[in-house]
Amino acid sequence: MIIQAKEQEGYEKLSQELRRGVVILAALSQLQTPQYGYSLIDRLAERGFSIDQGTLYPLLRRLESQGFLDSMWNVEGSRPRRYYVINEAGRTLLGQLSHDWQSLAEVMQRLLTNEGA
């Protein structure tokens, strides 16, 4: 079956919406050690989760302003880089979100395999 352009566009938008919900969880899971934005993008991509800069950088700033990340500037090397790392509040959030994700995944598995019917 060939997907029409309009259907493909609709699929892509819905797929993007689905991914949007897990971006925070993905980012927090990889910030146990300090990462700068581009290194985090690479790290996530290596693990199969691609994210663009326009999504990641505002997210990092927001999580920091909400008190879930700490950041520090490293001015050594070729250019200054801002490193982000998860803090205690962020680890608590990560644990809660991980639990929520597992619960949702279990429910979705039942729904998708018709066990919930």
N, C-alpha and C. Protein backbone atom coordinates (compact mmCIF):
# COMPACT_ATOMS: atom_id res chain seq x y z
N MET A 1 0.84 -1.18 0.00
CA MET A 1 0.00 0.00 0.00
C MET A 1 0.89 1.25 0.00
N ILE A 2 0.60 2.16 -0.87
CA ILE A 2 1.36 3.40 -0.98
C ILE A 2 0.65 4.48 -0.16
N ILE A 3 1.42 5.12 0.73
CA ILE A 3 0.87 6.20 1.55
C ILE A 3 0.89 7.48 0.74
N GLN A 4 -0.25 8.13 0.66
CA GLN A 4 -0.36 9.40 -0.06
C GLN A 4 0.36 10.50 0.72
N ALA A 5 0.73 11.56 0.01
CA ALA A 5 1.49 12.66 0.62
C ALA A 5 0.77 13.24 1.82
N LYS A 6 -0.53 13.44 1.72
CA LYS A 6 -1.30 14.01 2.82
C LYS A 6 -1.31 13.06 4.03
N GLU A 7 -1.47 11.78 3.77
CA GLU A 7 -1.44 10.79 4.84
C GLU A 7 -0.06 10.72 5.48
N GLN A 8 0.99 10.80 4.67
CA GLN A 8 2.36 10.77 5.18
C GLN A 8 2.61 11.98 6.08
N GLU A 9 2.13 13.15 5.64
CA GLU A 9 2.29 14.36 6.44
C GLU A 9 1.55 14.21 7.78
N GLY A 10 0.36 13.65 7.73
CA GLY A 10 -0.41 13.41 8.96
C GLY A 10 0.31 12.44 9.88
N TYR A 11 0.86 11.37 9.31
CA TYR A 11 1.61 10.41 10.09
C TYR A 11 2.80 11.07 10.77
N GLU A 12 3.56 11.85 10.01
CA GLU A 12 4.75 12.49 10.55
C GLU A 12 4.42 13.43 11.71
N LYS A 13 3.33 14.16 11.58
CA LYS A 13 2.91 15.05 12.67
C LYS A 13 2.53 14.27 13.91
N LEU A 14 1.79 13.19 13.74
CA LEU A 14 1.37 12.36 14.87
C LEU A 14 2.56 11.66 15.51
N SER A 15 3.48 11.19 14.68
CA SER A 15 4.67 10.54 15.20
C SER A 15 5.50 11.53 16.01
N GLN A 16 5.61 12.75 15.52
CA GLN A 16 6.35 13.79 16.23
C GLN A 16 5.68 14.10 17.57
N GLU A 17 4.36 14.14 17.59
CA GLU A 17 3.62 14.36 18.84
C GLU A 17 3.91 13.25 19.85
N LEU A 18 3.92 12.03 19.38
CA LEU A 18 4.19 10.89 20.25
C LEU A 18 5.59 10.98 20.85
N ARG A 19 6.57 11.33 20.05
CA ARG A 19 7.95 11.45 20.52
C ARG A 19 8.12 12.63 21.48
N ARG A 20 7.37 13.70 21.25
CA ARG A 20 7.50 14.90 22.07
C ARG A 20 7.30 14.58 23.55
N GLY A 21 6.45 13.63 23.83
CA GLY A 21 6.16 13.28 25.20
C GLY A 21 7.30 12.59 25.93
N VAL A 22 8.26 12.05 25.21
CA VAL A 22 9.34 11.32 25.88
C VAL A 22 10.70 12.01 25.77
N VAL A 23 10.74 13.18 25.17
CA VAL A 23 12.01 13.90 25.01
C VAL A 23 12.63 14.22 26.36
N ILE A 24 11.83 14.66 27.32
CA ILE A 24 12.35 14.99 28.64
C ILE A 24 12.97 13.76 29.29
N LEU A 25 12.25 12.66 29.25
CA LEU A 25 12.75 11.42 29.84
C LEU A 25 14.05 10.98 29.16
N ALA A 26 14.10 11.07 27.85
CA ALA A 26 15.31 10.68 27.11
C ALA A 26 16.50 11.55 27.52
N ALA A 27 16.29 12.85 27.56
CA ALA A 27 17.39 13.77 27.90
C ALA A 27 17.87 13.55 29.33
N LEU A 28 16.94 13.50 30.27
CA LEU A 28 17.33 13.30 31.67
C LEU A 28 18.10 11.99 31.86
N SER A 29 17.71 10.96 31.14
CA SER A 29 18.35 9.66 31.31
C SER A 29 19.83 9.66 30.91
N GLN A 30 20.23 10.64 30.09
CA GLN A 30 21.60 10.68 29.59
C GLN A 30 22.45 11.76 30.24
N LEU A 31 21.92 12.41 31.26
CA LEU A 31 22.65 13.51 31.90
C LEU A 31 23.19 13.13 33.28
N GLN A 32 23.49 11.86 33.49
CA GLN A 32 24.11 11.43 34.74
C GLN A 32 25.53 11.98 34.85
N THR A 33 26.15 12.18 33.71
CA THR A 33 27.46 12.83 33.65
C THR A 33 27.28 14.11 32.83
N PRO A 34 28.08 15.13 33.09
CA PRO A 34 27.91 16.40 32.38
C PRO A 34 28.04 16.24 30.86
N GLN A 35 27.13 16.86 30.16
CA GLN A 35 27.12 16.84 28.69
C GLN A 35 26.84 18.25 28.20
N TYR A 36 27.48 18.65 27.12
CA TYR A 36 27.08 19.89 26.45
C TYR A 36 26.09 19.51 25.37
N GLY A 37 25.37 20.48 24.86
CA GLY A 37 24.25 20.21 23.96
C GLY A 37 24.57 19.26 22.82
N TYR A 38 25.62 19.57 22.08
CA TYR A 38 25.93 18.74 20.91
C TYR A 38 26.32 17.32 21.32
N SER A 39 27.05 17.18 22.43
CA SER A 39 27.43 15.83 22.87
C SER A 39 26.19 15.04 23.29
N LEU A 40 25.21 15.73 23.87
CA LEU A 40 23.96 15.05 24.24
C LEU A 40 23.18 14.64 23.00
N ILE A 41 23.15 15.49 22.00
CA ILE A 41 22.50 15.13 20.74
C ILE A 41 23.13 13.87 20.16
N ASP A 42 24.47 13.83 20.13
CA ASP A 42 25.19 12.66 19.62
C ASP A 42 24.91 11.42 20.46
N ARG A 43 24.95 11.58 21.76
CA ARG A 43 24.73 10.45 22.68
C ARG A 43 23.34 9.85 22.48
N LEU A 44 22.33 10.72 22.38
CA LEU A 44 20.97 10.23 22.14
C LEU A 44 20.85 9.55 20.78
N ALA A 45 21.46 10.16 19.75
CA ALA A 45 21.41 9.58 18.40
C ALA A 45 22.07 8.20 18.36
N GLU A 46 23.20 8.05 19.06
CA GLU A 46 23.89 6.76 19.12
C GLU A 46 23.00 5.67 19.71
N ARG A 47 22.07 6.08 20.55
CA ARG A 47 21.17 5.14 21.21
C ARG A 47 19.82 5.05 20.52
N GLY A 48 19.71 5.68 19.33
CA GLY A 48 18.51 5.55 18.52
C GLY A 48 17.46 6.63 18.71
N PHE A 49 17.79 7.70 19.42
CA PHE A 49 16.81 8.76 19.67
C PHE A 49 17.36 10.07 19.10
N SER A 50 16.90 10.41 17.91
CA SER A 50 17.39 11.64 17.30
C SER A 50 16.57 12.84 17.78
N ILE A 51 17.26 13.95 17.96
CA ILE A 51 16.63 15.18 18.42
C ILE A 51 17.40 16.34 17.80
N ASP A 52 16.68 17.38 17.41
CA ASP A 52 17.39 18.50 16.80
C ASP A 52 17.70 19.57 17.84
N GLN A 53 18.64 20.44 17.48
CA GLN A 53 19.09 21.48 18.40
C GLN A 53 17.96 22.40 18.82
N GLY A 54 17.06 22.70 17.89
CA GLY A 54 15.95 23.60 18.18
C GLY A 54 14.99 23.06 19.22
N THR A 55 15.02 21.77 19.44
CA THR A 55 14.20 21.15 20.48
C THR A 55 15.00 21.01 21.77
N LEU A 56 16.25 20.58 21.65
CA LEU A 56 17.05 20.26 22.83
C LEU A 56 17.44 21.48 23.66
N TYR A 57 17.98 22.51 23.02
CA TYR A 57 18.50 23.64 23.80
C TYR A 57 17.43 24.35 24.63
N PRO A 58 16.24 24.63 24.07
CA PRO A 58 15.20 25.21 24.93
C PRO A 58 14.78 24.28 26.07
N LEU A 59 14.78 22.97 25.80
CA LEU A 59 14.43 22.00 26.84
C LEU A 59 15.45 22.04 27.97
N LEU A 60 16.73 22.06 27.64
CA LEU A 60 17.77 22.11 28.67
C LEU A 60 17.64 23.37 29.52
N ARG A 61 17.42 24.51 28.86
CA ARG A 61 17.26 25.76 29.61
C ARG A 61 16.03 25.71 30.52
N ARG A 62 14.94 25.15 30.00
CA ARG A 62 13.72 25.04 30.80
C ARG A 62 13.92 24.12 32.00
N LEU A 63 14.54 22.97 31.80
CA LEU A 63 14.76 22.04 32.90
C LEU A 63 15.69 22.65 33.95
N GLU A 64 16.65 23.44 33.50
CA GLU A 64 17.52 24.11 34.46
C GLU A 64 16.74 25.17 35.25
N SER A 65 15.93 25.95 34.57
CA SER A 65 15.17 27.00 35.27
C SER A 65 14.14 26.40 36.23
N GLN A 66 13.69 25.18 35.94
CA GLN A 66 12.74 24.49 36.82
C GLN A 66 13.44 23.79 37.99
N GLY A 67 14.78 23.81 37.98
CA GLY A 67 15.54 23.25 39.09
C GLY A 67 15.90 21.78 38.97
N PHE A 68 15.81 21.21 37.76
CA PHE A 68 16.11 19.78 37.59
C PHE A 68 17.50 19.51 37.03
N LEU A 69 18.16 20.54 36.52
CA LEU A 69 19.51 20.42 35.98
C LEU A 69 20.39 21.52 36.55
N ASP A 70 21.66 21.24 36.63
CA ASP A 70 22.66 22.25 36.94
C ASP A 70 23.50 22.43 35.68
N SER A 71 24.09 23.60 35.53
CA SER A 71 24.96 23.82 34.38
C SER A 71 26.20 24.57 34.82
N MET A 72 27.24 24.42 34.02
CA MET A 72 28.49 25.13 34.27
C MET A 72 29.17 25.36 32.93
N TRP A 73 29.89 26.47 32.83
CA TRP A 73 30.62 26.78 31.61
C TRP A 73 32.03 26.21 31.71
N ASN A 74 32.47 25.63 30.62
CA ASN A 74 33.85 25.19 30.49
C ASN A 74 34.46 26.03 29.37
N VAL A 75 35.43 26.89 29.75
CA VAL A 75 36.03 27.79 28.77
C VAL A 75 37.37 27.27 28.26
N GLU A 76 37.76 26.08 28.69
CA GLU A 76 38.98 25.46 28.18
C GLU A 76 38.70 24.88 26.81
N GLY A 77 39.71 24.77 26.01
CA GLY A 77 39.52 24.18 24.69
C GLY A 77 39.27 25.24 23.64
N SER A 78 38.79 24.80 22.49
CA SER A 78 38.65 25.68 21.34
C SER A 78 37.56 26.73 21.50
N ARG A 79 36.49 26.39 22.24
CA ARG A 79 35.43 27.37 22.46
C ARG A 79 34.68 27.04 23.75
N PRO A 80 34.08 28.05 24.36
CA PRO A 80 33.33 27.81 25.60
C PRO A 80 32.12 26.91 25.35
N ARG A 81 31.88 26.03 26.31
CA ARG A 81 30.72 25.13 26.21
C ARG A 81 30.00 25.09 27.55
N ARG A 82 28.69 25.07 27.48
CA ARG A 82 27.89 24.97 28.68
C ARG A 82 27.52 23.51 28.88
N TYR A 83 27.91 22.96 30.01
CA TYR A 83 27.64 21.57 30.34
C TYR A 83 26.44 21.50 31.29
N TYR A 84 25.60 20.52 31.05
CA TYR A 84 24.43 20.28 31.89
C TYR A 84 24.56 18.93 32.55
N VAL A 85 24.07 18.83 33.79
CA VAL A 85 24.07 17.57 34.52
C VAL A 85 22.83 17.52 35.39
N ILE A 86 22.29 16.34 35.55
CA ILE A 86 21.10 16.17 36.37
C ILE A 86 21.47 16.36 37.85
N ASN A 87 20.60 17.00 38.61
CA ASN A 87 20.84 17.19 40.04
C ASN A 87 19.88 16.29 40.83
N GLU A 88 19.86 16.44 42.14
CA GLU A 88 19.02 15.56 42.97
C GLU A 88 17.54 15.67 42.61
N ALA A 89 17.06 16.89 42.44
CA ALA A 89 15.65 17.06 42.05
C ALA A 89 15.39 16.41 40.69
N GLY A 90 16.34 16.52 39.79
CA GLY A 90 16.21 15.90 38.48
C GLY A 90 16.21 14.38 38.55
N ARG A 91 17.02 13.82 39.45
CA ARG A 91 17.02 12.36 39.62
C ARG A 91 15.69 11.88 40.18
N THR A 92 15.11 12.66 41.09
CA THR A 92 13.78 12.32 41.61
C THR A 92 12.76 12.36 40.48
N LEU A 93 12.82 13.44 39.68
CA LEU A 93 11.91 13.56 38.54
C LEU A 93 12.10 12.40 37.57
N LEU A 94 13.35 12.07 37.27
CA LEU A 94 13.63 10.96 36.36
C LEU A 94 13.03 9.66 36.87
N GLY A 95 13.15 9.41 38.16
CA GLY A 95 12.56 8.21 38.75
C GLY A 95 11.05 8.19 38.60
N GLN A 96 10.42 9.33 38.86
CA GLN A 96 8.96 9.41 38.74
C GLN A 96 8.51 9.24 37.29
N LEU A 97 9.19 9.94 36.39
CA LEU A 97 8.83 9.84 34.97
C LEU A 97 9.10 8.43 34.43
N SER A 98 10.17 7.80 34.90
CA SER A 98 10.48 6.43 34.47
C SER A 98 9.37 5.48 34.91
N HIS A 99 8.90 5.67 36.13
CA HIS A 99 7.80 4.85 36.64
C HIS A 99 6.54 5.07 35.81
N ASP A 100 6.24 6.35 35.53
CA ASP A 100 5.07 6.67 34.70
C ASP A 100 5.20 6.04 33.32
N TRP A 101 6.40 6.11 32.73
CA TRP A 101 6.64 5.54 31.41
C TRP A 101 6.40 4.03 31.43
N GLN A 102 6.94 3.35 32.43
CA GLN A 102 6.75 1.90 32.52
C GLN A 102 5.27 1.54 32.64
N SER A 103 4.55 2.29 33.47
CA SER A 103 3.12 2.04 33.64
C SER A 103 2.37 2.24 32.33
N LEU A 104 2.67 3.33 31.65
CA LEU A 104 2.01 3.59 30.36
C LEU A 104 2.36 2.53 29.32
N ALA A 105 3.62 2.12 29.30
CA ALA A 105 4.04 1.10 28.34
C ALA A 105 3.30 -0.22 28.58
N GLU A 106 3.10 -0.58 29.84
CA GLU A 106 2.36 -1.81 30.16
C GLU A 106 0.91 -1.71 29.70
N VAL A 107 0.29 -0.57 29.97
CA VAL A 107 -1.11 -0.37 29.54
C VAL A 107 -1.20 -0.41 28.02
N MET A 108 -0.29 0.29 27.34
CA MET A 108 -0.32 0.31 25.88
C MET A 108 -0.09 -1.07 25.30
N GLN A 109 0.79 -1.85 25.92
CA GLN A 109 1.02 -3.21 25.44
C GLN A 109 -0.26 -4.02 25.51
N ARG A 110 -0.99 -3.88 26.62
CA ARG A 110 -2.26 -4.60 26.75
C ARG A 110 -3.26 -4.12 25.69
N LEU A 111 -3.33 -2.81 25.49
CA LEU A 111 -4.27 -2.26 24.52
C LEU A 111 -3.93 -2.69 23.09
N LEU A 112 -2.65 -2.65 22.77
CA LEU A 112 -2.23 -2.98 21.41
C LEU A 112 -2.32 -4.47 21.09
N THR A 113 -2.30 -5.30 22.11
CA THR A 113 -2.43 -6.75 21.88
C THR A 113 -3.84 -7.24 22.19
N ASN A 114 -4.75 -6.31 22.35
CA ASN A 114 -6.17 -6.60 22.60
C ASN A 114 -6.45 -7.29 23.92
N GLU A 115 -5.47 -7.30 24.83
CA GLU A 115 -5.73 -7.87 26.15
C GLU A 115 -6.68 -6.98 26.95
N GLY A 116 -6.75 -5.71 26.56
CA GLY A 116 -7.61 -4.78 27.28
C GLY A 116 -9.03 -4.78 26.77
N ALA A 117 -9.34 -5.64 25.81
CA ALA A 117 -10.69 -5.66 25.22
C ALA A 117 -11.68 -6.39 26.09
